[in-house]
Amino acid sequence: MTTKRTGYPGGRINGVANRIGPHRLLSMMQHVLVEKFGKQWGDYDPVVQLALIGCDTTNPVDIRLVAHSRVAKYIHAELKQIELTGEDGAPIQFQMALADRLVQVIEHKS
């Protein structure tokens, strides 16, 4: 005697709980953090706090640089890397006529 299963063949057995996906888990964690610390810290925003650390001139430069680099990804979109090539895939050739002329003027005055 065989029993007929409902749903997809080889699917989940009746009575097994739903699995918590990563998005739902993150949402649950955020909810718990807001519930736990929201009353203590009020309108705490870690991005704003990083910006304040970066702008505080009493902090060392390396700490300020790290704070600014971490908060920047929330302010600006990340730039994508592109490759520039010249004709037929050859390297790009730059002409620095103005810079060469300035060097000649400076050397001539010396």
C-alpha atoms as a PDB file:
ATOM      1  CA  MET A   1       0.000   0.000   0.000  1.00  0.00           C
ATOM      2  CA  THR A   2       1.432   3.346  -1.013  1.00  0.00           C
ATOM      3  CA  THR A   3       0.614   6.796   0.319  1.00  0.00           C
ATOM      4  CA  LYS A   4       0.137   9.719  -1.978  1.00  0.00           C
ATOM      5  CA  ARG A   5       2.279  12.768  -1.204  1.00  0.00           C
ATOM      6  CA  THR A   6       1.047  16.248  -1.840  1.00  0.00           C
ATOM      7  CA  GLY A   7       3.220  18.979  -3.281  1.00  0.00           C
ATOM      8  CA  TYR A   8       6.498  18.344  -5.068  1.00  0.00           C
ATOM      9  CA  PRO A   9       7.706  14.745  -5.434  1.00  0.00           C
ATOM     10  CA  GLY A  10      10.566  14.100  -3.023  1.00  0.00           C
ATOM     11  CA  GLY A  11       9.724  17.337  -1.216  1.00  0.00           C
ATOM     12  CA  ARG A  12       9.735  18.177   2.437  1.00  0.00           C
ATOM     13  CA  ILE A  13       7.925  15.845   4.826  1.00  0.00           C
ATOM     14  CA  ASN A  14       4.827  17.249   6.536  1.00  0.00           C
ATOM     15  CA  GLY A  15       5.492  18.785   9.934  1.00  0.00           C
ATOM     16  CA  VAL A  16       9.051  20.014   9.260  1.00  0.00           C
ATOM     17  CA  ALA A  17       9.488  23.696  10.195  1.00  0.00           C
ATOM     18  CA  ASN A  18      10.390  26.322   7.618  1.00  0.00           C
ATOM     19  CA  ARG A  19      14.073  27.138   7.303  1.00  0.00           C
ATOM     20  CA  ILE A  20      15.075  30.707   8.207  1.00  0.00           C
ATOM     21  CA  GLY A  21      16.720  32.336   5.165  1.00  0.00           C
ATOM     22  CA  PRO A  22      19.593  34.834   5.422  1.00  0.00           C
ATOM     23  CA  HIS A  23      17.386  37.872   4.702  1.00  0.00           C
ATOM     24  CA  ARG A  24      14.859  36.923   7.370  1.00  0.00           C
ATOM     25  CA  LEU A  25      17.659  36.195   9.849  1.00  0.00           C
ATOM     26  CA  LEU A  26      19.236  39.614   9.211  1.00  0.00           C
ATOM     27  CA  SER A  27      15.874  41.295   9.676  1.00  0.00           C
ATOM     28  CA  MET A  28      15.352  39.432  12.958  1.00  0.00           C
ATOM     29  CA  MET A  29      18.837  40.448  14.187  1.00  0.00           C
ATOM     30  CA  GLN A  30      18.199  44.101  13.316  1.00  0.00           C
ATOM     31  CA  HIS A  31      14.896  43.984  15.156  1.00  0.00           C
ATOM     32  CA  VAL A  32      16.551  42.502  18.267  1.00  0.00           C
ATOM     33  CA  LEU A  33      19.321  45.147  18.212  1.00  0.00           C
ATOM     34  CA  VAL A  34      16.829  47.983  17.887  1.00  0.00           C
ATOM     35  CA  GLU A  35      14.717  46.557  20.691  1.00  0.00           C
ATOM     36  CA  LYS A  36      17.701  46.031  22.986  1.00  0.00           C
ATOM     37  CA  PHE A  37      19.765  49.163  22.339  1.00  0.00           C
ATOM     38  CA  GLY A  38      17.243  51.573  20.846  1.00  0.00           C
ATOM     39  CA  LYS A  39      15.984  52.627  24.272  1.00  0.00           C
ATOM     40  CA  GLN A  40      19.536  53.217  25.564  1.00  0.00           C
ATOM     41  CA  TRP A  41      20.973  55.028  22.574  1.00  0.00           C
ATOM     42  CA  GLY A  42      17.928  56.720  21.098  1.00  0.00           C
ATOM     43  CA  ASP A  43      18.636  57.676  17.481  1.00  0.00           C
ATOM     44  CA  TYR A  44      22.021  55.947  17.289  1.00  0.00           C
ATOM     45  CA  ASP A  45      23.319  55.677  13.720  1.00  0.00           C
ATOM     46  CA  PRO A  46      26.699  53.962  13.200  1.00  0.00           C
ATOM     47  CA  VAL A  47      27.287  55.739   9.869  1.00  0.00           C
ATOM     48  CA  VAL A  48      26.892  59.131  11.530  1.00  0.00           C
ATOM     49  CA  GLN A  49      29.186  58.048  14.368  1.00  0.00           C
ATOM     50  CA  LEU A  50      31.874  56.982  11.855  1.00  0.00           C
ATOM     51  CA  ALA A  51      31.566  60.352  10.135  1.00  0.00           C
ATOM     52  CA  LEU A  52      31.971  62.124  13.481  1.00  0.00           C
ATOM     53  CA  ILE A  53      35.095  60.078  14.262  1.00  0.00           C
ATOM     54  CA  GLY A  54      36.505  60.965  10.836  1.00  0.00           C
ATOM     55  CA  CYS A  55      35.844  64.673  11.334  1.00  0.00           C
ATOM     56  CA  ASP A  56      37.285  64.846  14.859  1.00  0.00           C
ATOM     57  CA  THR A  57      40.720  66.455  14.456  1.00  0.00           C
ATOM     58  CA  THR A  58      41.857  65.143  17.853  1.00  0.00           C
ATOM     59  CA  ASN A  59      41.859  61.583  16.446  1.00  0.00           C
ATOM     60  CA  PRO A  60      45.029  60.295  14.754  1.00  0.00           C
ATOM     61  CA  VAL A  61      45.122  60.587  10.957  1.00  0.00           C
ATOM     62  CA  ASP A  62      45.105  56.813  10.400  1.00  0.00           C
ATOM     63  CA  ILE A  63      41.928  56.408  12.493  1.00  0.00           C
ATOM     64  CA  ARG A  64      40.273  59.287  10.643  1.00  0.00           C
ATOM     65  CA  LEU A  65      41.247  57.792   7.283  1.00  0.00           C
ATOM     66  CA  VAL A  66      39.725  54.407   8.169  1.00  0.00           C
ATOM     67  CA  ALA A  67      36.523  56.076   9.395  1.00  0.00           C
ATOM     68  CA  HIS A  68      36.205  58.143   6.214  1.00  0.00           C
ATOM     69  CA  SER A  69      36.889  55.156   3.945  1.00  0.00           C
ATOM     70  CA  ARG A  70      34.255  53.038   5.690  1.00  0.00           C
ATOM     71  CA  VAL A  71      31.586  55.724   5.703  1.00  0.00           C
ATOM     72  CA  ALA A  72      32.239  56.643   2.048  1.00  0.00           C
ATOM     73  CA  LYS A  73      30.598  53.465   0.752  1.00  0.00           C
ATOM     74  CA  TYR A  74      27.320  54.604   2.325  1.00  0.00           C
ATOM     75  CA  ILE A  75      27.565  58.059   0.758  1.00  0.00           C
ATOM     76  CA  HIS A  76      28.863  57.339  -2.771  1.00  0.00           C
ATOM     77  CA  ALA A  77      28.487  54.444  -5.174  1.00  0.00           C
ATOM     78  CA  GLU A  78      31.593  52.312  -5.600  1.00  0.00           C
ATOM     79  CA  LEU A  79      33.429  53.039  -8.832  1.00  0.00           C
ATOM     80  CA  LYS A  80      34.014  50.187 -11.229  1.00  0.00           C
ATOM     81  CA  GLN A  81      37.409  49.453 -12.691  1.00  0.00           C
ATOM     82  CA  ILE A  82      37.731  50.114 -16.426  1.00  0.00           C
ATOM     83  CA  GLU A  83      40.533  49.476 -18.854  1.00  0.00           C
ATOM     84  CA  LEU A  84      41.535  52.121 -21.372  1.00  0.00           C
ATOM     85  CA  THR A  85      43.245  51.133 -24.588  1.00  0.00           C
ATOM     86  CA  GLY A  86      44.307  53.002 -27.683  1.00  0.00           C
ATOM     87  CA  GLU A  87      43.791  52.050 -31.295  1.00  0.00           C
ATOM     88  CA  ASP A  88      43.690  48.305 -31.959  1.00  0.00           C
ATOM     89  CA  GLY A  89      44.161  47.552 -28.253  1.00  0.00           C
ATOM     90  CA  ALA A  90      47.521  49.331 -28.070  1.00  0.00           C
ATOM     91  CA  PRO A  91      48.468  51.276 -24.929  1.00  0.00           C
ATOM     92  CA  ILE A  92      47.267  54.863 -24.740  1.00  0.00           C
ATOM     93  CA  GLN A  93      49.869  57.456 -25.636  1.00  0.00           C
ATOM     94  CA  PHE A  94      49.692  60.780 -23.838  1.00  0.00           C
ATOM     95  CA  GLN A  95      51.095  63.976 -25.216  1.00  0.00           C
ATOM     96  CA  MET A  96      52.470  66.254 -22.576  1.00  0.00           C
ATOM     97  CA  ALA A  97      53.329  69.234 -24.742  1.00  0.00           C
ATOM     98  CA  LEU A  98      52.279  71.803 -22.155  1.00  0.00           C
ATOM     99  CA  ALA A  99      54.262  70.113 -19.382  1.00  0.00           C
ATOM    100  CA  ASP A 100      57.330  69.840 -21.625  1.00  0.00           C
ATOM    101  CA  ARG A 101      57.007  73.532 -22.517  1.00  0.00           C
ATOM    102  CA  LEU A 102      56.797  74.494 -18.819  1.00  0.00           C
ATOM    103  CA  VAL A 103      59.932  72.474 -18.064  1.00  0.00           C
ATOM    104  CA  GLN A 104      61.756  74.283 -20.894  1.00  0.00           C
ATOM    105  CA  VAL A 105      60.672  77.694 -19.562  1.00  0.00           C
ATOM    106  CA  ILE A 106      61.773  76.816 -16.015  1.00  0.00           C
ATOM    107  CA  GLU A 107      65.130  75.457 -17.204  1.00  0.00           C
ATOM    108  CA  HIS A 108      65.677  78.525 -19.384  1.00  0.00           C
ATOM    109  CA  LYS A 109      65.130  80.848 -16.393  1.00  0.00           C
ATOM    110  CA  SER A 110      67.614  78.936 -14.229  1.00  0.00           C
END
